[in-house]
Amino acid sequence: MDKWEKQEKNKFEEYKRKPFINFADSMNRAEIGDWNALAKGGYLTTIVIIVGLLLFLYFR
């Protein structure tokens, strides 16, 4: 079990004990987003993000 899986397991156990923490965490992620999911992507994800940003800046 790696560090990320252990952290997710601990977070899930805490959500069981205190359900409103889950709601607050969901609201924060909806407003801010979860950058860890993007960071775990491979080269293809990084290339798509960079091309998307360049296109956005070009057509803005």
N, C-alpha and C. Protein backbone atom coordinates (compact mmCIF):
# COMPACT_ATOMS: atom_id res chain seq x y z
N MET A 1 0.86 -1.17 0.00
CA MET A 1 0.00 0.00 0.00
C MET A 1 0.91 1.24 0.00
N ASP A 2 0.71 2.10 -0.98
CA ASP A 2 1.54 3.29 -1.04
C ASP A 2 0.94 4.42 -0.21
N LYS A 3 1.64 5.53 -0.17
CA LYS A 3 1.25 6.66 0.67
C LYS A 3 -0.12 7.22 0.29
N TRP A 4 -0.39 7.31 -1.02
CA TRP A 4 -1.65 7.88 -1.48
C TRP A 4 -2.83 6.99 -1.07
N GLU A 5 -2.69 5.67 -1.22
CA GLU A 5 -3.77 4.75 -0.84
C GLU A 5 -4.03 4.81 0.66
N LYS A 6 -2.96 4.90 1.44
CA LYS A 6 -3.11 4.98 2.89
C LYS A 6 -3.83 6.27 3.28
N GLN A 7 -3.49 7.37 2.62
CA GLN A 7 -4.13 8.65 2.90
C GLN A 7 -5.61 8.60 2.53
N GLU A 8 -5.95 7.99 1.40
CA GLU A 8 -7.35 7.88 1.00
C GLU A 8 -8.13 6.99 1.96
N LYS A 9 -7.51 5.91 2.43
CA LYS A 9 -8.18 5.02 3.38
C LYS A 9 -8.46 5.76 4.69
N ASN A 10 -7.49 6.52 5.18
CA ASN A 10 -7.69 7.30 6.40
C ASN A 10 -8.78 8.35 6.22
N LYS A 11 -8.82 8.98 5.06
CA LYS A 11 -9.84 9.98 4.77
C LYS A 11 -11.23 9.34 4.74
N PHE A 12 -11.33 8.14 4.16
CA PHE A 12 -12.61 7.43 4.09
C PHE A 12 -13.11 7.05 5.48
N GLU A 13 -12.20 6.60 6.34
CA GLU A 13 -12.58 6.26 7.72
C GLU A 13 -13.06 7.50 8.47
N GLU A 14 -12.42 8.63 8.23
CA GLU A 14 -12.84 9.86 8.88
C GLU A 14 -14.21 10.32 8.37
N TYR A 15 -14.49 10.10 7.10
CA TYR A 15 -15.80 10.44 6.55
C TYR A 15 -16.90 9.61 7.19
N LYS A 16 -16.60 8.36 7.52
CA LYS A 16 -17.59 7.51 8.19
C LYS A 16 -17.92 8.05 9.57
N ARG A 17 -16.88 8.52 10.28
CA ARG A 17 -17.09 9.02 11.64
C ARG A 17 -17.75 10.39 11.66
N LYS A 18 -17.40 11.25 10.71
CA LYS A 18 -17.91 12.62 10.68
C LYS A 18 -18.39 12.95 9.27
N PRO A 19 -19.67 12.72 8.97
CA PRO A 19 -20.16 12.90 7.60
C PRO A 19 -20.09 14.33 7.07
N PHE A 20 -20.15 15.33 7.92
CA PHE A 20 -20.12 16.71 7.42
C PHE A 20 -18.75 17.12 6.93
N ILE A 21 -17.71 16.40 7.34
CA ILE A 21 -16.38 16.66 6.80
C ILE A 21 -16.36 16.32 5.32
N ASN A 22 -17.05 15.24 4.96
CA ASN A 22 -17.14 14.84 3.56
C ASN A 22 -17.81 15.94 2.74
N PHE A 23 -18.88 16.52 3.27
CA PHE A 23 -19.59 17.59 2.57
C PHE A 23 -18.68 18.81 2.39
N ALA A 24 -17.98 19.18 3.46
CA ALA A 24 -17.08 20.34 3.38
C ALA A 24 -15.95 20.09 2.40
N ASP A 25 -15.40 18.88 2.42
CA ASP A 25 -14.31 18.54 1.50
C ASP A 25 -14.81 18.56 0.06
N SER A 26 -16.02 18.07 -0.17
CA SER A 26 -16.58 18.08 -1.52
C SER A 26 -16.79 19.50 -2.02
N MET A 27 -17.26 20.38 -1.16
CA MET A 27 -17.47 21.77 -1.56
C MET A 27 -16.14 22.44 -1.87
N ASN A 28 -15.12 22.19 -1.07
CA ASN A 28 -13.81 22.79 -1.32
C ASN A 28 -13.21 22.29 -2.62
N ARG A 29 -13.35 21.00 -2.91
CA ARG A 29 -12.81 20.46 -4.15
C ARG A 29 -13.59 20.98 -5.35
N ALA A 30 -14.87 21.24 -5.18
CA ALA A 30 -15.66 21.77 -6.29
C ALA A 30 -15.22 23.20 -6.61
N GLU A 31 -14.86 23.96 -5.59
CA GLU A 31 -14.43 25.33 -5.81
C GLU A 31 -12.99 25.41 -6.29
N ILE A 32 -12.12 24.61 -5.70
CA ILE A 32 -10.69 24.71 -5.99
C ILE A 32 -10.26 23.69 -7.03
N GLY A 33 -10.78 22.50 -6.95
CA GLY A 33 -10.36 21.42 -7.85
C GLY A 33 -9.29 20.56 -7.20
N ASP A 34 -9.03 19.43 -7.78
CA ASP A 34 -8.05 18.50 -7.25
C ASP A 34 -6.89 18.42 -8.21
N TRP A 35 -5.79 19.12 -7.93
CA TRP A 35 -4.63 19.16 -8.81
C TRP A 35 -3.83 17.87 -8.76
N ASN A 36 -4.03 17.06 -7.72
CA ASN A 36 -3.28 15.81 -7.62
C ASN A 36 -3.65 14.86 -8.75
N ALA A 37 -4.88 14.88 -9.18
CA ALA A 37 -5.30 14.01 -10.27
C ALA A 37 -4.57 14.38 -11.56
N LEU A 38 -4.35 15.65 -11.78
CA LEU A 38 -3.61 16.07 -12.98
C LEU A 38 -2.13 15.74 -12.87
N ALA A 39 -1.59 15.85 -11.69
CA ALA A 39 -0.17 15.59 -11.50
C ALA A 39 0.17 14.11 -11.67
N LYS A 40 -0.78 13.22 -11.42
CA LYS A 40 -0.52 11.79 -11.55
C LYS A 40 -0.62 11.31 -12.99
N GLY A 41 -1.04 12.15 -13.90
CA GLY A 41 -1.15 11.77 -15.30
C GLY A 41 0.22 11.59 -15.93
N GLY A 42 0.22 10.97 -17.09
CA GLY A 42 1.48 10.73 -17.77
C GLY A 42 1.83 11.86 -18.72
N TYR A 43 2.66 11.54 -19.69
CA TYR A 43 3.10 12.54 -20.66
C TYR A 43 1.94 13.03 -21.52
N LEU A 44 1.03 12.14 -21.88
CA LEU A 44 -0.10 12.52 -22.72
C LEU A 44 -0.97 13.56 -22.03
N THR A 45 -1.24 13.36 -20.75
CA THR A 45 -2.04 14.33 -20.00
C THR A 45 -1.35 15.69 -19.96
N THR A 46 -0.06 15.69 -19.73
CA THR A 46 0.69 16.95 -19.67
C THR A 46 0.68 17.66 -21.02
N ILE A 47 0.85 16.91 -22.10
CA ILE A 47 0.84 17.51 -23.44
C ILE A 47 -0.53 18.10 -23.76
N VAL A 48 -1.60 17.38 -23.42
CA VAL A 48 -2.95 17.88 -23.68
C VAL A 48 -3.21 19.16 -22.90
N ILE A 49 -2.77 19.22 -21.66
CA ILE A 49 -2.97 20.43 -20.84
C ILE A 49 -2.20 21.61 -21.42
N ILE A 50 -0.96 21.38 -21.81
CA ILE A 50 -0.14 22.47 -22.37
C ILE A 50 -0.71 22.96 -23.68
N VAL A 51 -1.12 22.05 -24.57
CA VAL A 51 -1.71 22.45 -25.85
C VAL A 51 -3.01 23.20 -25.61
N GLY A 52 -3.81 22.73 -24.66
CA GLY A 52 -5.06 23.42 -24.34
C GLY A 52 -4.82 24.83 -23.83
N LEU A 53 -3.84 25.00 -22.97
CA LEU A 53 -3.52 26.34 -22.47
C LEU A 53 -3.01 27.25 -23.58
N LEU A 54 -2.17 26.71 -24.46
CA LEU A 54 -1.67 27.52 -25.58
C LEU A 54 -2.80 27.94 -26.51
N LEU A 55 -3.71 27.02 -26.81
CA LEU A 55 -4.85 27.37 -27.67
C LEU A 55 -5.74 28.41 -26.99
N PHE A 56 -5.94 28.26 -25.69
CA PHE A 56 -6.75 29.22 -24.95
C PHE A 56 -6.13 30.61 -25.01
N LEU A 57 -4.82 30.68 -24.80
CA LEU A 57 -4.15 31.98 -24.84
C LEU A 57 -4.11 32.57 -26.25
N TYR A 58 -3.99 31.71 -27.25
CA TYR A 58 -3.94 32.18 -28.64
C TYR A 58 -5.28 32.76 -29.10
N PHE A 59 -6.38 32.09 -28.76
CA PHE A 59 -7.70 32.53 -29.22
C PHE A 59 -8.40 33.47 -28.25
N ARG A 60 -7.76 33.85 -27.20
CA ARG A 60 -8.38 34.72 -26.21
C ARG A 60 -8.48 36.12 -26.69
